[in-house]
Amino acid sequence: MGVRAQQKEKTRRSLIDAAFNQLSAEHGFSNLSLREVAREAGIAPTSFYRHFKDMDELGLTMVDEGGLMLRQLMRKARQRINKGGSSTIRISTDTFMEFVTSHPNVFRLLLQERSGNSAAFRQAVNREIRHFVEELTDYLTHSTTLDKTLATLQSEAMLVIVFNAGAEALDITAQGRQELAERVILQLHMIANGAQSMQITTENE
């Protein structure tokens, strides 16, 4: 990559980071202005268009990046499990809570745009969620005795629990997050045990 290409990529990265930095519970992506993002990134507003067609393209890029970031962290968590770590559910829950704590604005974007006004953004978030479910389903079918149907249902149920917990974790103390994580771990075990029981029942019919 040449010097000019490196500089362009650096500026593009600065715009993405600037937009993430400006998100908050009260200030969603739809409230961001191109001028605000450009100013925080340290570039002239007109230079924005060298990197993104408009704010929507920037936002969709952020959704894709946020979803990928979360999936990569969960892949690393599963690698720790495969190397003889502790409970699959505990490691996965702890990893997710670390993600929400360390990157609150990334998760906030996924959460807000999942039910936002833009169909394109909702579709983008749902696509990331579907990728997440597919990866978890694949893991469950290879690491448990569940068939694909039950593994998919378990993955979808787990995702609902985890995303709801993530939303709650954004606004509570560290102690509260720890207590929430323990509750989530118990709920996920209940879902996993239920799926396993259904598999056994199906096999015995």
C-alpha atoms as a PDB file:
ATOM      1  CA  MET A   1       0.000   0.000   0.000  1.00  0.00           C
ATOM      2  CA  GLY A   2       1.413   3.394  -1.039  1.00  0.00           C
ATOM      3  CA  VAL A   3       1.749   6.422   1.206  1.00  0.00           C
ATOM      4  CA  ARG A   4      -1.332   8.100  -0.257  1.00  0.00           C
ATOM      5  CA  ALA A   5      -3.436   4.967   0.196  1.00  0.00           C
ATOM      6  CA  GLN A   6      -2.207   4.622   3.780  1.00  0.00           C
ATOM      7  CA  GLN A   7      -3.154   8.222   4.522  1.00  0.00           C
ATOM      8  CA  LYS A   8      -6.582   7.719   2.989  1.00  0.00           C
ATOM      9  CA  GLU A   9      -7.175   4.612   5.089  1.00  0.00           C
ATOM     10  CA  LYS A  10      -5.994   6.466   8.199  1.00  0.00           C
ATOM     11  CA  THR A  11      -8.447   9.301   7.575  1.00  0.00           C
ATOM     12  CA  ARG A  12     -11.265   6.837   6.897  1.00  0.00           C
ATOM     13  CA  ARG A  13     -10.451   5.154  10.202  1.00  0.00           C
ATOM     14  CA  SER A  14     -10.485   8.523  11.956  1.00  0.00           C
ATOM     15  CA  LEU A  15     -13.983   9.240  10.633  1.00  0.00           C
ATOM     16  CA  ILE A  16     -15.305   5.890  11.865  1.00  0.00           C
ATOM     17  CA  ASP A  17     -13.725   6.360  15.288  1.00  0.00           C
ATOM     18  CA  ALA A  18     -14.994   9.939  15.516  1.00  0.00           C
ATOM     19  CA  ALA A  19     -18.558   8.792  14.814  1.00  0.00           C
ATOM     20  CA  PHE A  20     -18.356   6.019  17.411  1.00  0.00           C
ATOM     21  CA  ASN A  21     -16.950   8.463  19.979  1.00  0.00           C
ATOM     22  CA  GLN A  22     -19.931  10.763  19.612  1.00  0.00           C
ATOM     23  CA  LEU A  23     -22.566   8.123  20.254  1.00  0.00           C
ATOM     24  CA  SER A  24     -24.310   7.991  23.619  1.00  0.00           C
ATOM     25  CA  ALA A  25     -27.619   6.923  25.106  1.00  0.00           C
ATOM     26  CA  GLU A  26     -29.041  10.362  24.281  1.00  0.00           C
ATOM     27  CA  HIS A  27     -27.180  10.912  21.018  1.00  0.00           C
ATOM     28  CA  GLY A  28     -27.769   8.137  18.488  1.00  0.00           C
ATOM     29  CA  PHE A  29     -26.324   7.858  15.016  1.00  0.00           C
ATOM     30  CA  SER A  30     -29.315   9.629  13.458  1.00  0.00           C
ATOM     31  CA  ASN A  31     -28.431  12.688  15.573  1.00  0.00           C
ATOM     32  CA  LEU A  32     -24.874  12.910  14.279  1.00  0.00           C
ATOM     33  CA  SER A  33     -24.029  15.516  11.682  1.00  0.00           C
ATOM     34  CA  LEU A  34     -21.404  15.241   9.001  1.00  0.00           C
ATOM     35  CA  ARG A  35     -19.784  18.439  10.297  1.00  0.00           C
ATOM     36  CA  GLU A  36     -19.528  17.075  13.855  1.00  0.00           C
ATOM     37  CA  VAL A  37     -17.911  13.868  12.685  1.00  0.00           C
ATOM     38  CA  ALA A  38     -15.511  15.648  10.331  1.00  0.00           C
ATOM     39  CA  ARG A  39     -14.515  18.144  13.025  1.00  0.00           C
ATOM     40  CA  GLU A  40     -13.747  15.383  15.539  1.00  0.00           C
ATOM     41  CA  ALA A  41     -11.775  13.502  12.884  1.00  0.00           C
ATOM     42  CA  GLY A  42      -9.764  16.648  12.177  1.00  0.00           C
ATOM     43  CA  ILE A  43     -10.704  17.049   8.516  1.00  0.00           C
ATOM     44  CA  ALA A  44     -12.687  19.537   6.472  1.00  0.00           C
ATOM     45  CA  PRO A  45     -16.355  18.563   5.914  1.00  0.00           C
ATOM     46  CA  THR A  46     -15.824  18.504   2.146  1.00  0.00           C
ATOM     47  CA  SER A  47     -13.080  15.887   2.581  1.00  0.00           C
ATOM     48  CA  PHE A  48     -15.653  13.502   4.091  1.00  0.00           C
ATOM     49  CA  TYR A  49     -16.936  12.667   0.616  1.00  0.00           C
ATOM     50  CA  ARG A  50     -13.586  11.278  -0.432  1.00  0.00           C
ATOM     51  CA  HIS A  51     -14.209   8.402   1.970  1.00  0.00           C
ATOM     52  CA  PHE A  52     -17.983   7.933   2.210  1.00  0.00           C
ATOM     53  CA  LYS A  53     -20.833   8.743  -0.132  1.00  0.00           C
ATOM     54  CA  ASP A  54     -22.931  10.069   2.750  1.00  0.00           C
ATOM     55  CA  MET A  55     -23.578   9.562   6.479  1.00  0.00           C
ATOM     56  CA  ASP A  56     -25.673   6.466   5.784  1.00  0.00           C
ATOM     57  CA  GLU A  57     -22.714   4.741   4.152  1.00  0.00           C
ATOM     58  CA  LEU A  58     -20.580   5.632   7.177  1.00  0.00           C
ATOM     59  CA  GLY A  59     -23.229   4.249   9.517  1.00  0.00           C
ATOM     60  CA  LEU A  60     -23.612   0.991   7.617  1.00  0.00           C
ATOM     61  CA  THR A  61     -19.837   0.578   7.670  1.00  0.00           C
ATOM     62  CA  MET A  62     -19.932   1.056  11.444  1.00  0.00           C
ATOM     63  CA  VAL A  63     -22.653  -1.592  11.828  1.00  0.00           C
ATOM     64  CA  ASP A  64     -20.640  -4.079   9.769  1.00  0.00           C
ATOM     65  CA  GLU A  65     -17.510  -3.326  11.769  1.00  0.00           C
ATOM     66  CA  GLY A  66     -19.305  -3.610  15.101  1.00  0.00           C
ATOM     67  CA  GLY A  67     -20.824  -6.959  14.212  1.00  0.00           C
ATOM     68  CA  LEU A  68     -17.503  -8.287  12.963  1.00  0.00           C
ATOM     69  CA  MET A  69     -15.719  -7.075  16.100  1.00  0.00           C
ATOM     70  CA  LEU A  70     -18.178  -8.924  18.329  1.00  0.00           C
ATOM     71  CA  ARG A  71     -18.004 -12.122  16.266  1.00  0.00           C
ATOM     72  CA  GLN A  72     -14.208 -12.094  16.344  1.00  0.00           C
ATOM     73  CA  LEU A  73     -14.197 -11.752  20.131  1.00  0.00           C
ATOM     74  CA  MET A  74     -16.626 -14.649  20.496  1.00  0.00           C
ATOM     75  CA  ARG A  75     -14.478 -16.778  18.172  1.00  0.00           C
ATOM     76  CA  LYS A  76     -11.501 -16.127  20.434  1.00  0.00           C
ATOM     77  CA  ALA A  77     -13.648 -17.095  23.431  1.00  0.00           C
ATOM     78  CA  ARG A  78     -14.513 -20.406  21.788  1.00  0.00           C
ATOM     79  CA  GLN A  79     -10.814 -21.016  21.109  1.00  0.00           C
ATOM     80  CA  ARG A  80     -10.154 -20.576  24.824  1.00  0.00           C
ATOM     81  CA  ILE A  81     -12.893 -23.112  25.517  1.00  0.00           C
ATOM     82  CA  ASN A  82     -11.419 -25.597  23.060  1.00  0.00           C
ATOM     83  CA  LYS A  83      -8.049 -25.285  24.798  1.00  0.00           C
ATOM     84  CA  GLY A  84      -9.506 -26.536  28.047  1.00  0.00           C
ATOM     85  CA  GLY A  85     -10.975 -23.395  29.560  1.00  0.00           C
ATOM     86  CA  SER A  86     -13.895 -23.332  31.980  1.00  0.00           C
ATOM     87  CA  SER A  87     -17.606 -23.402  31.171  1.00  0.00           C
ATOM     88  CA  THR A  88     -18.534 -22.539  27.577  1.00  0.00           C
ATOM     89  CA  ILE A  89     -21.420 -20.404  28.762  1.00  0.00           C
ATOM     90  CA  ARG A  90     -19.402 -18.597  31.441  1.00  0.00           C
ATOM     91  CA  ILE A  91     -16.511 -17.737  29.125  1.00  0.00           C
ATOM     92  CA  SER A  92     -18.891 -16.584  26.381  1.00  0.00           C
ATOM     93  CA  THR A  93     -20.927 -14.451  28.788  1.00  0.00           C
ATOM     94  CA  ASP A  94     -17.836 -12.897  30.367  1.00  0.00           C
ATOM     95  CA  THR A  95     -16.427 -12.146  26.901  1.00  0.00           C
ATOM     96  CA  PHE A  96     -19.652 -10.493  25.815  1.00  0.00           C
ATOM     97  CA  MET A  97     -19.848  -8.380  28.969  1.00  0.00           C
ATOM     98  CA  GLU A  98     -16.231  -7.312  28.447  1.00  0.00           C
ATOM     99  CA  PHE A  99     -17.153  -6.236  24.924  1.00  0.00           C
ATOM    100  CA  VAL A 100     -20.096  -4.136  26.140  1.00  0.00           C
ATOM    101  CA  THR A 101     -17.946  -2.569  28.861  1.00  0.00           C
ATOM    102  CA  SER A 102     -14.941  -1.873  26.630  1.00  0.00           C
ATOM    103  CA  HIS A 103     -16.874  -0.814  23.518  1.00  0.00           C
ATOM    104  CA  PRO A 104     -20.193   0.572  24.791  1.00  0.00           C
ATOM    105  CA  ASN A 105     -20.765   2.790  21.756  1.00  0.00           C
ATOM    106  CA  VAL A 106     -20.224  -0.091  19.341  1.00  0.00           C
ATOM    107  CA  PHE A 107     -22.872  -2.170  21.077  1.00  0.00           C
ATOM    108  CA  ARG A 108     -25.074   0.894  21.522  1.00  0.00           C
ATOM    109  CA  LEU A 109     -25.072   1.404  17.738  1.00  0.00           C
ATOM    110  CA  LEU A 110     -26.134  -2.202  17.093  1.00  0.00           C
ATOM    111  CA  LEU A 111     -28.803  -1.960  19.763  1.00  0.00           C
ATOM    112  CA  GLN A 112     -30.240   1.388  18.653  1.00  0.00           C
ATOM    113  CA  GLU A 113     -30.236   0.692  14.933  1.00  0.00           C
ATOM    114  CA  ARG A 114     -31.767  -2.753  15.336  1.00  0.00           C
ATOM    115  CA  SER A 115     -35.083  -1.000  15.960  1.00  0.00           C
ATOM    116  CA  GLY A 116     -34.298   2.351  14.329  1.00  0.00           C
ATOM    117  CA  ASN A 117     -36.206   4.180  11.611  1.00  0.00           C
ATOM    118  CA  SER A 118     -33.916   3.195   8.742  1.00  0.00           C
ATOM    119  CA  ALA A 119     -34.805  -0.055   6.987  1.00  0.00           C
ATOM    120  CA  ALA A 120     -31.273  -0.285   5.598  1.00  0.00           C
ATOM    121  CA  PHE A 121     -29.787  -0.050   9.082  1.00  0.00           C
ATOM    122  CA  ARG A 122     -32.252  -2.565  10.537  1.00  0.00           C
ATOM    123  CA  GLN A 123     -31.401  -4.998   7.755  1.00  0.00           C
ATOM    124  CA  ALA A 124     -27.674  -4.479   8.332  1.00  0.00           C
ATOM    125  CA  VAL A 125     -27.963  -5.177  12.064  1.00  0.00           C
ATOM    126  CA  ASN A 126     -30.205  -8.188  11.481  1.00  0.00           C
ATOM    127  CA  ARG A 127     -27.652  -9.505   8.984  1.00  0.00           C
ATOM    128  CA  GLU A 128     -24.931  -9.246  11.633  1.00  0.00           C
ATOM    129  CA  ILE A 129     -27.175 -10.989  14.149  1.00  0.00           C
ATOM    130  CA  ARG A 130     -27.851 -13.759  11.646  1.00  0.00           C
ATOM    131  CA  HIS A 131     -24.110 -14.234  11.134  1.00  0.00           C
ATOM    132  CA  PHE A 132     -23.739 -14.486  14.904  1.00  0.00           C
ATOM    133  CA  VAL A 133     -26.535 -17.081  15.161  1.00  0.00           C
ATOM    134  CA  GLU A 134     -25.086 -19.117  12.280  1.00  0.00           C
ATOM    135  CA  GLU A 135     -21.631 -19.228  13.867  1.00  0.00           C
ATOM    136  CA  LEU A 136     -23.046 -20.239  17.258  1.00  0.00           C
ATOM    137  CA  THR A 137     -25.267 -22.858  15.616  1.00  0.00           C
ATOM    138  CA  ASP A 138     -22.270 -24.316  13.815  1.00  0.00           C
ATOM    139  CA  TYR A 139     -20.328 -24.449  17.077  1.00  0.00           C
ATOM    140  CA  LEU A 140     -23.194 -26.176  18.919  1.00  0.00           C
ATOM    141  CA  THR A 141     -23.732 -28.805  16.224  1.00  0.00           C
ATOM    142  CA  HIS A 142     -20.044 -29.729  16.442  1.00  0.00           C
ATOM    143  CA  SER A 143     -19.609 -29.541  20.214  1.00  0.00           C
ATOM    144  CA  THR A 144     -22.920 -31.057  21.413  1.00  0.00           C
ATOM    145  CA  THR A 145     -25.352 -33.769  20.313  1.00  0.00           C
ATOM    146  CA  LEU A 146     -27.932 -31.226  19.097  1.00  0.00           C
ATOM    147  CA  ASP A 147     -29.217 -31.440  15.562  1.00  0.00           C
ATOM    148  CA  LYS A 148     -29.144 -28.268  13.478  1.00  0.00           C
ATOM    149  CA  THR A 149     -32.764 -27.320  14.137  1.00  0.00           C
ATOM    150  CA  LEU A 150     -32.425 -27.406  17.906  1.00  0.00           C
ATOM    151  CA  ALA A 151     -28.967 -25.814  17.757  1.00  0.00           C
ATOM    152  CA  THR A 152     -30.432 -22.926  15.755  1.00  0.00           C
ATOM    153  CA  LEU A 153     -33.323 -22.491  18.185  1.00  0.00           C
ATOM    154  CA  GLN A 154     -30.919 -22.540  21.133  1.00  0.00           C
ATOM    155  CA  SER A 155     -28.664 -19.983  19.445  1.00  0.00           C
ATOM    156  CA  GLU A 156     -31.576 -17.649  18.703  1.00  0.00           C
ATOM    157  CA  ALA A 157     -32.893 -17.897  22.274  1.00  0.00           C
ATOM    158  CA  MET A 158     -29.446 -17.255  23.701  1.00  0.00           C
ATOM    159  CA  LEU A 159     -28.975 -14.214  21.502  1.00  0.00           C
ATOM    160  CA  VAL A 160     -32.212 -12.662  22.771  1.00  0.00           C
ATOM    161  CA  ILE A 161     -31.101 -13.137  26.383  1.00  0.00           C
ATOM    162  CA  VAL A 162     -27.602 -11.807  25.740  1.00  0.00           C
ATOM    163  CA  PHE A 163     -28.673  -8.744  23.744  1.00  0.00           C
ATOM    164  CA  ASN A 164     -31.242  -7.779  26.384  1.00  0.00           C
ATOM    165  CA  ALA A 165     -28.578  -8.171  29.049  1.00  0.00           C
ATOM    166  CA  GLY A 166     -26.177  -6.041  27.021  1.00  0.00           C
ATOM    167  CA  ALA A 167     -28.740  -3.238  26.897  1.00  0.00           C
ATOM    168  CA  GLU A 168     -29.120  -3.396  30.666  1.00  0.00           C
ATOM    169  CA  ALA A 169     -25.355  -3.579  31.221  1.00  0.00           C
ATOM    170  CA  LEU A 170     -24.813  -0.215  29.527  1.00  0.00           C
ATOM    171  CA  ASP A 171     -26.408   1.681  32.392  1.00  0.00           C
ATOM    172  CA  ILE A 172     -25.413  -0.132  35.584  1.00  0.00           C
ATOM    173  CA  THR A 173     -22.393  -0.333  37.865  1.00  0.00           C
ATOM    174  CA  ALA A 174     -19.574  -2.868  37.634  1.00  0.00           C
ATOM    175  CA  GLN A 175     -21.116  -4.761  40.568  1.00  0.00           C
ATOM    176  CA  GLY A 176     -24.469  -4.693  38.833  1.00  0.00           C
ATOM    177  CA  ARG A 177     -22.912  -6.081  35.645  1.00  0.00           C
ATOM    178  CA  GLN A 178     -21.346  -8.929  37.582  1.00  0.00           C
ATOM    179  CA  GLU A 179     -24.687  -9.822  39.146  1.00  0.00           C
ATOM    180  CA  LEU A 180     -26.336  -9.522  35.735  1.00  0.00           C
ATOM    181  CA  ALA A 181     -23.712 -11.835  34.202  1.00  0.00           C
ATOM    182  CA  GLU A 182     -24.423 -14.500  36.832  1.00  0.00           C
ATOM    183  CA  ARG A 183     -28.141 -14.262  36.097  1.00  0.00           C
ATOM    184  CA  VAL A 184     -27.504 -14.544  32.358  1.00  0.00           C
ATOM    185  CA  ILE A 185     -25.263 -17.582  32.863  1.00  0.00           C
ATOM    186  CA  LEU A 186     -28.062 -19.313  34.773  1.00  0.00           C
ATOM    187  CA  GLN A 187     -30.610 -18.422  32.088  1.00  0.00           C
ATOM    188  CA  LEU A 188     -28.351 -19.695  29.312  1.00  0.00           C
ATOM    189  CA  HIS A 189     -27.772 -22.966  31.177  1.00  0.00           C
ATOM    190  CA  MET A 190     -31.543 -23.375  31.458  1.00  0.00           C
ATOM    191  CA  ILE A 191     -31.899 -22.872  27.695  1.00  0.00           C
ATOM    192  CA  ALA A 192     -29.051 -25.290  26.966  1.00  0.00           C
ATOM    193  CA  ASN A 193     -30.456 -27.947  29.292  1.00  0.00           C
ATOM    194  CA  GLY A 194     -33.896 -27.536  27.740  1.00  0.00           C
ATOM    195  CA  ALA A 195     -32.505 -27.972  24.228  1.00  0.00           C
ATOM    196  CA  GLN A 196     -30.581 -31.070  25.298  1.00  0.00           C
ATOM    197  CA  SER A 197     -33.699 -32.553  26.897  1.00  0.00           C
ATOM    198  CA  MET A 198     -35.680 -31.945  23.712  1.00  0.00           C
ATOM    199  CA  GLN A 199     -32.946 -33.660  21.681  1.00  0.00           C
ATOM    200  CA  ILE A 200     -33.081 -36.736  23.930  1.00  0.00           C
ATOM    201  CA  THR A 201     -36.897 -36.805  23.743  1.00  0.00           C
ATOM    202  CA  THR A 202     -36.783 -36.555  19.943  1.00  0.00           C
ATOM    203  CA  GLU A 203     -34.262 -39.392  19.682  1.00  0.00           C
ATOM    204  CA  ASN A 204     -36.381 -41.640  21.893  1.00  0.00           C
ATOM    205  CA  GLU A 205     -39.629 -41.110  19.996  1.00  0.00           C
END
